[in-house]
Amino acid sequence: MLRGFYVGVLGMTEKPKPPALAVRGGCWFIDEYGSELHLGVEDDFRPARKAHPALLRPDLDTLADRLESAGYPVTWGNDEVPGIRRFHTEDPHANRLEFVLVEPA
């Protein structure tokens, strides 16, 4: 489920975990811009309501369209930070993600 989202929808690549860590489960992903997400496994997992990673993406509009086409709602941020465009979405386990584009001044 998460591999399908992070690889299939976001276009990330799964990165092999070191053998000593692989036995713990979970998976690591890296995008073409060098950002990595390391997802672990917890028996009593509950997603954070506010905390989230923010990933820089130059293809913000294309990514938003791809997410919405795949059935993942996108919530655009307002213009409270000049020069920043951003949106939030959630992965299949309700982990909140933010994608950011810093616009030239």
PDB file of N, CA and C in Angstrom:
ATOM      1  N   MET A   1       0.823  -1.191   0.000  1.00  0.00           N
ATOM      2  CA  MET A   1       0.000   0.000   0.000  1.00  0.00           C
ATOM      3  C   MET A   1       0.872   1.262   0.000  1.00  0.00           C
ATOM      4  N   LEU A   2       1.831   1.360   0.940  1.00  0.00           N
ATOM      5  CA  LEU A   2       2.682   2.549   0.964  1.00  0.00           C
ATOM      6  C   LEU A   2       3.634   2.591  -0.222  1.00  0.00           C
ATOM      7  N   ARG A   3       4.127   1.440  -0.627  1.00  0.00           N
ATOM      8  CA  ARG A   3       5.008   1.417  -1.802  1.00  0.00           C
ATOM      9  C   ARG A   3       4.260   1.927  -3.033  1.00  0.00           C
ATOM     10  N   GLY A   4       3.024   1.519  -3.183  1.00  0.00           N
ATOM     11  CA  GLY A   4       2.225   1.978  -4.313  1.00  0.00           C
ATOM     12  C   GLY A   4       2.044   3.487  -4.312  1.00  0.00           C
ATOM     13  N   PHE A   5       1.904   4.074  -3.137  1.00  0.00           N
ATOM     14  CA  PHE A   5       1.735   5.522  -3.028  1.00  0.00           C
ATOM     15  C   PHE A   5       3.056   6.247  -3.276  1.00  0.00           C
ATOM     16  N   TYR A   6       4.075   5.885  -2.511  1.00  0.00           N
ATOM     17  CA  TYR A   6       5.334   6.629  -2.593  1.00  0.00           C
ATOM     18  C   TYR A   6       6.067   6.405  -3.914  1.00  0.00           C
ATOM     19  N   VAL A   7       6.007   5.202  -4.450  1.00  0.00           N
ATOM     20  CA  VAL A   7       6.665   4.916  -5.727  1.00  0.00           C
ATOM     21  C   VAL A   7       5.719   5.225  -6.889  1.00  0.00           C
ATOM     22  N   GLY A   8       4.517   4.660  -6.850  1.00  0.00           N
ATOM     23  CA  GLY A   8       3.597   4.783  -7.970  1.00  0.00           C
ATOM     24  C   GLY A   8       3.003   6.158  -8.160  1.00  0.00           C
ATOM     25  N   VAL A   9       2.647   6.838  -7.069  1.00  0.00           N
ATOM     26  CA  VAL A   9       1.995   8.144  -7.187  1.00  0.00           C
ATOM     27  C   VAL A   9       3.011   9.281  -7.083  1.00  0.00           C
ATOM     28  N   LEU A  10       3.863   9.243  -6.065  1.00  0.00           N
ATOM     29  CA  LEU A  10       4.820  10.337  -5.880  1.00  0.00           C
ATOM     30  C   LEU A  10       6.054  10.217  -6.767  1.00  0.00           C
ATOM     31  N   GLY A  11       6.295   9.039  -7.327  1.00  0.00           N
ATOM     32  CA  GLY A  11       7.441   8.870  -8.212  1.00  0.00           C
ATOM     33  C   GLY A  11       8.766   8.702  -7.500  1.00  0.00           C
ATOM     34  N   MET A  12       8.723   8.339  -6.222  1.00  0.00           N
ATOM     35  CA  MET A  12       9.955   8.115  -5.474  1.00  0.00           C
ATOM     36  C   MET A  12      10.502   6.724  -5.793  1.00  0.00           C
ATOM     37  N   THR A  13      11.717   6.465  -5.365  1.00  0.00           N
ATOM     38  CA  THR A  13      12.358   5.168  -5.532  1.00  0.00           C
ATOM     39  C   THR A  13      12.558   4.563  -4.157  1.00  0.00           C
ATOM     40  N   GLU A  14      12.262   3.272  -4.022  1.00  0.00           N
ATOM     41  CA  GLU A  14      12.535   2.628  -2.739  1.00  0.00           C
ATOM     42  C   GLU A  14      14.036   2.434  -2.604  1.00  0.00           C
ATOM     43  N   LYS A  15      14.556   2.822  -1.453  1.00  0.00           N
ATOM     44  CA  LYS A  15      15.989   2.722  -1.160  1.00  0.00           C
ATOM     45  C   LYS A  15      16.185   1.568  -0.183  1.00  0.00           C
ATOM     46  N   PRO A  16      17.059   0.625  -0.499  1.00  0.00           N
ATOM     47  CA  PRO A  16      17.266  -0.501   0.422  1.00  0.00           C
ATOM     48  C   PRO A  16      17.760  -0.018   1.788  1.00  0.00           C
ATOM     49  N   LYS A  17      17.176  -0.574   2.831  1.00  0.00           N
ATOM     50  CA  LYS A  17      17.633  -0.267   4.182  1.00  0.00           C
ATOM     51  C   LYS A  17      18.887  -1.087   4.472  1.00  0.00           C
ATOM     52  N   PRO A  18      19.780  -0.570   5.306  1.00  0.00           N
ATOM     53  CA  PRO A  18      20.925  -1.380   5.714  1.00  0.00           C
ATOM     54  C   PRO A  18      20.426  -2.668   6.375  1.00  0.00           C
ATOM     55  N   PRO A  19      21.113  -3.789   6.170  1.00  0.00           N
ATOM     56  CA  PRO A  19      20.647  -5.072   6.716  1.00  0.00           C
ATOM     57  C   PRO A  19      20.319  -5.029   8.208  1.00  0.00           C
ATOM     58  N   ALA A  20      21.114  -4.317   8.989  1.00  0.00           N
ATOM     59  CA  ALA A  20      20.864  -4.257  10.433  1.00  0.00           C
ATOM     60  C   ALA A  20      19.537  -3.577  10.759  1.00  0.00           C
ATOM     61  N   LEU A  21      19.083  -2.689   9.889  1.00  0.00           N
ATOM     62  CA  LEU A  21      17.812  -1.987  10.109  1.00  0.00           C
ATOM     63  C   LEU A  21      16.649  -2.648   9.382  1.00  0.00           C
ATOM     64  N   ALA A  22      16.934  -3.369   8.321  1.00  0.00           N
ATOM     65  CA  ALA A  22      15.874  -3.995   7.525  1.00  0.00           C
ATOM     66  C   ALA A  22      15.064  -4.994   8.338  1.00  0.00           C
ATOM     67  N   VAL A  23      15.688  -5.625   9.323  1.00  0.00           N
ATOM     68  CA  VAL A  23      14.971  -6.614  10.136  1.00  0.00           C
ATOM     69  C   VAL A  23      13.858  -5.975  10.967  1.00  0.00           C
ATOM     70  N   ARG A  24      13.892  -4.662  11.130  1.00  0.00           N
ATOM     71  CA  ARG A  24      12.862  -3.959  11.905  1.00  0.00           C
ATOM     72  C   ARG A  24      11.603  -3.673  11.090  1.00  0.00           C
ATOM     73  N   GLY A  25      11.657  -3.907   9.785  1.00  0.00           N
ATOM     74  CA  GLY A  25      10.519  -3.595   8.930  1.00  0.00           C
ATOM     75  C   GLY A  25      10.556  -2.154   8.466  1.00  0.00           C
ATOM     76  N   GLY A  26       9.488  -1.745   7.838  1.00  0.00           N
ATOM     77  CA  GLY A  26       9.424  -0.395   7.302  1.00  0.00           C
ATOM     78  C   GLY A  26      10.113  -0.304   5.958  1.00  0.00           C
ATOM     79  N   CYS A  27      10.167   0.894   5.418  1.00  0.00           N
ATOM     80  CA  CYS A  27      10.813   1.098   4.128  1.00  0.00           C
ATOM     81  C   CYS A  27      11.296   2.540   4.005  1.00  0.00           C
ATOM     82  N   TRP A  28      12.279   2.707   3.156  1.00  0.00           N
ATOM     83  CA  TRP A  28      12.862   4.021   2.885  1.00  0.00           C
ATOM     84  C   TRP A  28      12.604   4.385   1.431  1.00  0.00           C
ATOM     85  N   PHE A  29      12.364   5.672   1.193  1.00  0.00           N
ATOM     86  CA  PHE A  29      12.136   6.171  -0.155  1.00  0.00           C
ATOM     87  C   PHE A  29      12.984   7.414  -0.382  1.00  0.00           C
ATOM     88  N   ILE A  30      13.415   7.617  -1.633  1.00  0.00           N
ATOM     89  CA  ILE A  30      14.179   8.807  -2.008  1.00  0.00           C
ATOM     90  C   ILE A  30      13.586   9.357  -3.299  1.00  0.00           C
ATOM     91  N   ASP A  31      13.544  10.691  -3.418  1.00  0.00           N
ATOM     92  CA  ASP A  31      13.041  11.269  -4.662  1.00  0.00           C
ATOM     93  C   ASP A  31      14.200  11.779  -5.513  1.00  0.00           C
ATOM     94  N   GLU A  32      13.889  12.213  -6.707  1.00  0.00           N
ATOM     95  CA  GLU A  32      14.930  12.644  -7.641  1.00  0.00           C
ATOM     96  C   GLU A  32      15.629  13.922  -7.204  1.00  0.00           C
ATOM     97  N   TYR A  33      15.101  14.593  -6.180  1.00  0.00           N
ATOM     98  CA  TYR A  33      15.687  15.833  -5.682  1.00  0.00           C
ATOM     99  C   TYR A  33      16.547  15.592  -4.441  1.00  0.00           C
ATOM    100  N   GLY A  34      16.653  14.334  -4.018  1.00  0.00           N
ATOM    101  CA  GLY A  34      17.503  13.972  -2.886  1.00  0.00           C
ATOM    102  C   GLY A  34      16.798  13.877  -1.546  1.00  0.00           C
ATOM    103  N   SER A  35      15.504  14.168  -1.494  1.00  0.00           N
ATOM    104  CA  SER A  35      14.765  14.053  -0.232  1.00  0.00           C
ATOM    105  C   SER A  35      14.489  12.592   0.068  1.00  0.00           C
ATOM    106  N   GLU A  36      14.650  12.218   1.329  1.00  0.00           N
ATOM    107  CA  GLU A  36      14.380  10.846   1.763  1.00  0.00           C
ATOM    108  C   GLU A  36      13.289  10.833   2.819  1.00  0.00           C
ATOM    109  N   LEU A  37      12.469   9.797   2.774  1.00  0.00           N
ATOM    110  CA  LEU A  37      11.485   9.520   3.819  1.00  0.00           C
ATOM    111  C   LEU A  37      11.753   8.117   4.325  1.00  0.00           C
ATOM    112  N   HIS A  38      11.859   7.978   5.635  1.00  0.00           N
ATOM    113  CA  HIS A  38      12.080   6.678   6.269  1.00  0.00           C
ATOM    114  C   HIS A  38      10.831   6.355   7.070  1.00  0.00           C
ATOM    115  N   LEU A  39      10.119   5.319   6.666  1.00  0.00           N
ATOM    116  CA  LEU A  39       8.864   4.939   7.310  1.00  0.00           C
ATOM    117  C   LEU A  39       9.072   3.681   8.126  1.00  0.00           C
ATOM    118  N   GLY A  40       8.663   3.742   9.384  1.00  0.00           N
ATOM    119  CA  GLY A  40       8.817   2.606  10.279  1.00  0.00           C
ATOM    120  C   GLY A  40       7.496   1.917  10.549  1.00  0.00           C
ATOM    121  N   VAL A  41       7.569   0.890  11.370  1.00  0.00           N
ATOM    122  CA  VAL A  41       6.405   0.082  11.720  1.00  0.00           C
ATOM    123  C   VAL A  41       6.196   0.169  13.229  1.00  0.00           C
ATOM    124  N   GLU A  42       4.974   0.465  13.637  1.00  0.00           N
ATOM    125  CA  GLU A  42       4.617   0.508  15.055  1.00  0.00           C
ATOM    126  C   GLU A  42       3.298  -0.229  15.240  1.00  0.00           C
ATOM    127  N   ASP A  43       3.213  -1.061  16.280  1.00  0.00           N
ATOM    128  CA  ASP A  43       1.979  -1.806  16.538  1.00  0.00           C
ATOM    129  C   ASP A  43       0.799  -0.888  16.820  1.00  0.00           C
ATOM    130  N   ASP A  44       1.012   0.148  17.610  1.00  0.00           N
ATOM    131  CA  ASP A  44      -0.088   1.043  17.999  1.00  0.00           C
ATOM    132  C   ASP A  44       0.022   2.392  17.280  1.00  0.00           C
ATOM    133  N   PHE A  45       0.369   2.362  16.009  1.00  0.00           N
ATOM    134  CA  PHE A  45       0.599   3.576  15.233  1.00  0.00           C
ATOM    135  C   PHE A  45      -0.632   4.470  15.192  1.00  0.00           C
ATOM    136  N   ARG A  46      -0.388   5.751  15.391  1.00  0.00           N
ATOM    137  CA  ARG A  46      -1.383   6.798  15.177  1.00  0.00           C
ATOM    138  C   ARG A  46      -0.670   7.941  14.466  1.00  0.00           C
ATOM    139  N   PRO A  47      -1.167   8.398  13.331  1.00  0.00           N
ATOM    140  CA  PRO A  47      -0.484   9.488  12.624  1.00  0.00           C
ATOM    141  C   PRO A  47      -0.530  10.783  13.432  1.00  0.00           C
ATOM    142  N   ALA A  48       0.516  11.568  13.305  1.00  0.00           N
ATOM    143  CA  ALA A  48       0.546  12.881  13.960  1.00  0.00           C
ATOM    144  C   ALA A  48      -0.490  13.779  13.296  1.00  0.00           C
ATOM    145  N   ARG A  49      -1.158  14.596  14.081  1.00  0.00           N
ATOM    146  CA  ARG A  49      -2.171  15.479  13.523  1.00  0.00           C
ATOM    147  C   ARG A  49      -1.552  16.718  12.877  1.00  0.00           C
ATOM    148  N   LYS A  50      -0.421  17.178  13.402  1.00  0.00           N
ATOM    149  CA  LYS A  50       0.181  18.416  12.908  1.00  0.00           C
ATOM    150  C   LYS A  50       1.573  18.208  12.313  1.00  0.00           C
ATOM    151  N   ALA A  51       2.403  17.425  12.979  1.00  0.00           N
ATOM    152  CA  ALA A  51       3.784  17.228  12.514  1.00  0.00           C
ATOM    153  C   ALA A  51       3.797  16.563  11.145  1.00  0.00           C
ATOM    154  N   HIS A  52       4.737  16.993  10.295  1.00  0.00           N
ATOM    155  CA  HIS A  52       4.819  16.428   8.947  1.00  0.00           C
ATOM    156  C   HIS A  52       6.126  16.850   8.287  1.00  0.00           C
ATOM    157  N   PRO A  53       6.590  16.052   7.324  1.00  0.00           N
ATOM    158  CA  PRO A  53       7.731  16.502   6.528  1.00  0.00           C
ATOM    159  C   PRO A  53       7.253  17.472   5.452  1.00  0.00           C
ATOM    160  N   ALA A  54       8.126  18.372   5.063  1.00  0.00           N
ATOM    161  CA  ALA A  54       7.867  19.277   3.944  1.00  0.00           C
ATOM    162  C   ALA A  54       8.940  19.012   2.897  1.00  0.00           C
ATOM    163  N   LEU A  55       8.513  18.653   1.701  1.00  0.00           N
ATOM    164  CA  LEU A  55       9.438  18.292   0.635  1.00  0.00           C
ATOM    165  C   LEU A  55       9.392  19.342  -0.467  1.00  0.00           C
ATOM    166  N   LEU A  56      10.564  19.825  -0.876  1.00  0.00           N
ATOM    167  CA  LEU A  56      10.645  20.795  -1.964  1.00  0.00           C
ATOM    168  C   LEU A  56      10.404  20.096  -3.294  1.00  0.00           C
ATOM    169  N   ARG A  57       9.529  20.678  -4.111  1.00  0.00           N
ATOM    170  CA  ARG A  57       9.217  20.096  -5.422  1.00  0.00           C
ATOM    171  C   ARG A  57       9.063  21.221  -6.448  1.00  0.00           C
ATOM    172  N   PRO A  58       9.842  21.193  -7.530  1.00  0.00           N
ATOM    173  CA  PRO A  58       9.666  22.207  -8.571  1.00  0.00           C
ATOM    174  C   PRO A  58       8.430  21.955  -9.436  1.00  0.00           C
ATOM    175  N   ASP A  59       7.898  20.742  -9.395  1.00  0.00           N
ATOM    176  CA  ASP A  59       6.751  20.347 -10.225  1.00  0.00           C
ATOM    177  C   ASP A  59       5.460  20.313  -9.412  1.00  0.00           C
ATOM    178  N   LEU A  60       5.240  21.328  -8.611  1.00  0.00           N
ATOM    179  CA  LEU A  60       4.147  21.329  -7.639  1.00  0.00           C
ATOM    180  C   LEU A  60       2.775  21.097  -8.277  1.00  0.00           C
ATOM    181  N   ASP A  61       2.464  21.813  -9.343  1.00  0.00           N
ATOM    182  CA  ASP A  61       1.143  21.674  -9.964  1.00  0.00           C
ATOM    183  C   ASP A  61       0.954  20.289 -10.581  1.00  0.00           C
ATOM    184  N   THR A  62       1.985  19.783 -11.236  1.00  0.00           N
ATOM    185  CA  THR A  62       1.913  18.450 -11.835  1.00  0.00           C
ATOM    186  C   THR A  62       1.706  17.393 -10.760  1.00  0.00           C
ATOM    187  N   LEU A  63       2.435  17.527  -9.660  1.00  0.00           N
ATOM    188  CA  LEU A  63       2.302  16.573  -8.556  1.00  0.00           C
ATOM    189  C   LEU A  63       0.903  16.642  -7.946  1.00  0.00           C
ATOM    190  N   ALA A  64       0.383  17.841  -7.739  1.00  0.00           N
ATOM    191  CA  ALA A  64      -0.972  17.992  -7.190  1.00  0.00           C
ATOM    192  C   ALA A  64      -1.998  17.320  -8.100  1.00  0.00           C
ATOM    193  N   ASP A  65      -1.866  17.517  -9.407  1.00  0.00           N
ATOM    194  CA  ASP A  65      -2.783  16.878 -10.360  1.00  0.00           C
ATOM    195  C   ASP A  65      -2.683  15.355 -10.280  1.00  0.00           C
ATOM    196  N   ARG A  66      -1.455  14.839 -10.186  1.00  0.00           N
ATOM    197  CA  ARG A  66      -1.258  13.384 -10.121  1.00  0.00           C
ATOM    198  C   ARG A  66      -1.882  12.812  -8.849  1.00  0.00           C
ATOM    199  N   LEU A  67      -1.706  13.495  -7.723  1.00  0.00           N
ATOM    200  CA  LEU A  67      -2.298  13.033  -6.467  1.00  0.00           C
ATOM    201  C   LEU A  67      -3.823  13.017  -6.557  1.00  0.00           C
ATOM    202  N   GLU A  68      -4.402  14.107  -7.044  1.00  0.00           N
ATOM    203  CA  GLU A  68      -5.861  14.180  -7.133  1.00  0.00           C
ATOM    204  C   GLU A  68      -6.410  13.135  -8.102  1.00  0.00           C
ATOM    205  N   SER A  69      -5.716  12.907  -9.207  1.00  0.00           N
ATOM    206  CA  SER A  69      -6.150  11.885 -10.169  1.00  0.00           C
ATOM    207  C   SER A  69      -6.119  10.492  -9.564  1.00  0.00           C
ATOM    208  N   ALA A  70      -5.208  10.284  -8.607  1.00  0.00           N
ATOM    209  CA  ALA A  70      -5.098   8.986  -7.935  1.00  0.00           C
ATOM    210  C   ALA A  70      -6.029   8.882  -6.728  1.00  0.00           C
ATOM    211  N   GLY A  71      -6.821   9.939  -6.461  1.00  0.00           N
ATOM    212  CA  GLY A  71      -7.795   9.896  -5.374  1.00  0.00           C
ATOM    213  C   GLY A  71      -7.309  10.435  -4.043  1.00  0.00           C
ATOM    214  N   TYR A  72      -6.193  11.158  -4.040  1.00  0.00           N
ATOM    215  CA  TYR A  72      -5.669  11.732  -2.797  1.00  0.00           C
ATOM    216  C   TYR A  72      -5.970  13.226  -2.786  1.00  0.00           C
ATOM    217  N   PRO A  73      -6.815  13.681  -1.863  1.00  0.00           N
ATOM    218  CA  PRO A  73      -7.160  15.099  -1.809  1.00  0.00           C
ATOM    219  C   PRO A  73      -5.930  15.970  -1.531  1.00  0.00           C
ATOM    220  N   VAL A  74      -5.925  17.127  -2.147  1.00  0.00           N
ATOM    221  CA  VAL A  74      -4.861  18.113  -1.992  1.00  0.00           C
ATOM    222  C   VAL A  74      -5.480  19.364  -1.389  1.00  0.00           C
ATOM    223  N   THR A  75      -4.858  19.892  -0.342  1.00  0.00           N
ATOM    224  CA  THR A  75      -5.315  21.132   0.282  1.00  0.00           C
ATOM    225  C   THR A  75      -4.217  22.173   0.119  1.00  0.00           C
ATOM    226  N   TRP A  76      -4.508  23.173  -0.696  1.00  0.00           N
ATOM    227  CA  TRP A  76      -3.522  24.216  -0.945  1.00  0.00           C
ATOM    228  C   TRP A  76      -3.435  25.161   0.240  1.00  0.00           C
ATOM    229  N   GLY A  77      -2.214  25.582   0.555  1.00  0.00           N
ATOM    230  CA  GLY A  77      -2.003  26.580   1.598  1.00  0.00           C
ATOM    231  C   GLY A  77      -2.384  27.951   1.067  1.00  0.00           C
ATOM    232  N   ASN A  78      -2.659  28.856   1.979  1.00  0.00           N
ATOM    233  CA  ASN A  78      -2.990  30.210   1.542  1.00  0.00           C
ATOM    234  C   ASN A  78      -1.689  30.973   1.265  1.00  0.00           C
ATOM    235  N   ASP A  79      -1.803  32.242   1.018  1.00  0.00           N
ATOM    236  CA  ASP A  79      -0.636  33.053   0.658  1.00  0.00           C
ATOM    237  C   ASP A  79       0.006  33.706   1.878  1.00  0.00           C
ATOM    238  N   GLU A  80      -0.018  33.040   3.025  1.00  0.00           N
ATOM    239  CA  GLU A  80       0.504  33.649   4.248  1.00  0.00           C
ATOM    240  C   GLU A  80       2.023  33.776   4.267  1.00  0.00           C
ATOM    241  N   VAL A  81       2.711  33.030   3.404  1.00  0.00           N
ATOM    242  CA  VAL A  81       4.167  33.122   3.326  1.00  0.00           C
ATOM    243  C   VAL A  81       4.524  33.584   1.913  1.00  0.00           C
ATOM    244  N   PRO A  82       4.936  34.843   1.759  1.00  0.00           N
ATOM    245  CA  PRO A  82       5.259  35.352   0.423  1.00  0.00           C
ATOM    246  C   PRO A  82       6.351  34.518  -0.253  1.00  0.00           C
ATOM    247  N   GLY A  83       6.156  34.242  -1.542  1.00  0.00           N
ATOM    248  CA  GLY A  83       7.146  33.508  -2.313  1.00  0.00           C
ATOM    249  C   GLY A  83       7.108  32.002  -2.139  1.00  0.00           C
ATOM    250  N   ILE A  84       6.144  31.505  -1.384  1.00  0.00           N
ATOM    251  CA  ILE A  84       6.028  30.063  -1.136  1.00  0.00           C
ATOM    252  C   ILE A  84       4.660  29.585  -1.619  1.00  0.00           C
ATOM    253  N   ARG A  85       4.655  28.559  -2.446  1.00  0.00           N
ATOM    254  CA  ARG A  85       3.413  27.858  -2.792  1.00  0.00           C
ATOM    255  C   ARG A  85       3.521  26.485  -2.171  1.00  0.00           C
ATOM    256  N   ARG A  86       2.407  25.990  -1.633  1.00  0.00           N
ATOM    257  CA  ARG A  86       2.472  24.698  -0.946  1.00  0.00           C
ATOM    258  C   ARG A  86       1.103  24.055  -0.881  1.00  0.00           C
ATOM    259  N   PHE A  87       1.132  22.731  -0.695  1.00  0.00           N
ATOM    260  CA  PHE A  87      -0.108  22.013  -0.424  1.00  0.00           C
ATOM    261  C   PHE A  87       0.186  20.844   0.500  1.00  0.00           C
ATOM    262  N   HIS A  88      -0.885  20.352   1.121  1.00  0.00           N
ATOM    263  CA  HIS A  88      -0.812  19.179   1.990  1.00  0.00           C
ATOM    264  C   HIS A  88      -1.657  18.059   1.394  1.00  0.00           C
ATOM    265  N   THR A  89      -1.253  16.842   1.694  1.00  0.00           N
ATOM    266  CA  THR A  89      -2.029  15.657   1.375  1.00  0.00           C
ATOM    267  C   THR A  89      -1.711  14.617   2.438  1.00  0.00           C
ATOM    268  N   GLU A  90      -2.321  13.455   2.343  1.00  0.00           N
ATOM    269  CA  GLU A  90      -2.039  12.356   3.274  1.00  0.00           C
ATOM    270  C   GLU A  90      -1.767  11.096   2.481  1.00  0.00           C
ATOM    271  N   ASP A  91      -0.862  10.273   3.019  1.00  0.00           N
ATOM    272  CA  ASP A  91      -0.617   8.972   2.402  1.00  0.00           C
ATOM    273  C   ASP A  91      -1.710   8.001   2.849  1.00  0.00           C
ATOM    274  N   PRO A  92      -1.699   6.756   2.381  1.00  0.00           N
ATOM    275  CA  PRO A  92      -2.772   5.815   2.729  1.00  0.00           C
ATOM    276  C   PRO A  92      -2.914   5.508   4.221  1.00  0.00           C
ATOM    277  N   HIS A  93      -1.901   5.841   5.031  1.00  0.00           N
ATOM    278  CA  HIS A  93      -1.999   5.619   6.479  1.00  0.00           C
ATOM    279  C   HIS A  93      -2.217   6.919   7.238  1.00  0.00           C
ATOM    280  N   ALA A  94      -2.643   7.960   6.530  1.00  0.00           N
ATOM    281  CA  ALA A  94      -2.968   9.272   7.092  1.00  0.00           C
ATOM    282  C   ALA A  94      -1.753  10.035   7.600  1.00  0.00           C
ATOM    283  N   ASN A  95      -0.558   9.696   7.115  1.00  0.00           N
ATOM    284  CA  ASN A  95       0.613  10.518   7.406  1.00  0.00           C
ATOM    285  C   ASN A  95       0.491  11.798   6.585  1.00  0.00           C
ATOM    286  N   ARG A  96       0.571  12.935   7.251  1.00  0.00           N
ATOM    287  CA  ARG A  96       0.432  14.225   6.580  1.00  0.00           C
ATOM    288  C   ARG A  96       1.739  14.566   5.863  1.00  0.00           C
ATOM    289  N   LEU A  97       1.628  15.047   4.645  1.00  0.00           N
ATOM    290  CA  LEU A  97       2.784  15.437   3.837  1.00  0.00           C
ATOM    291  C   LEU A  97       2.550  16.831   3.281  1.00  0.00           C
ATOM    292  N   GLU A  98       3.607  17.629   3.250  1.00  0.00           N
ATOM    293  CA  GLU A  98       3.540  18.963   2.644  1.00  0.00           C
ATOM    294  C   GLU A  98       4.528  19.007   1.483  1.00  0.00           C
ATOM    295  N   PHE A  99       4.105  19.603   0.383  1.00  0.00           N
ATOM    296  CA  PHE A  99       4.974  19.793  -0.772  1.00  0.00           C
ATOM    297  C   PHE A  99       5.065  21.288  -1.041  1.00  0.00           C
ATOM    298  N   VAL A 100       6.291  21.752  -1.260  1.00  0.00           N
ATOM    299  CA  VAL A 100       6.577  23.188  -1.281  1.00  0.00           C
ATOM    300  C   VAL A 100       7.328  23.572  -2.553  1.00  0.00           C
ATOM    301  N   LEU A 101       6.968  24.732  -3.096  1.00  0.00           N
ATOM    302  CA  LEU A 101       7.707  25.349  -4.194  1.00  0.00           C
ATOM    303  C   LEU A 101       8.092  26.752  -3.742  1.00  0.00           C
ATOM    304  N   VAL A 102       9.386  27.038  -3.751  1.00  0.00           N
ATOM    305  CA  VAL A 102       9.868  28.385  -3.443  1.00  0.00           C
ATOM    306  C   VAL A 102       9.967  29.121  -4.770  1.00  0.00           C
ATOM    307  N   GLU A 103       9.161  30.170  -4.902  1.00  0.00           N
ATOM    308  CA  GLU A 103       9.135  30.912  -6.156  1.00  0.00           C
ATOM    309  C   GLU A 103      10.235  31.966  -6.166  1.00  0.00           C
ATOM    310  N   PRO A 104      10.817  32.213  -7.345  1.00  0.00           N
ATOM    311  CA  PRO A 104      11.870  33.233  -7.429  1.00  0.00           C
ATOM    312  C   PRO A 104      11.336  34.598  -7.022  1.00  0.00           C
ATOM    313  N   ALA A 105      12.197  35.377  -6.400  1.00  0.00           N
ATOM    314  CA  ALA A 105      11.786  36.717  -5.930  1.00  0.00           C
ATOM    315  C   ALA A 105      11.622  37.683  -7.078  1.00  0.00           C
TER     316      ALA A 105
END
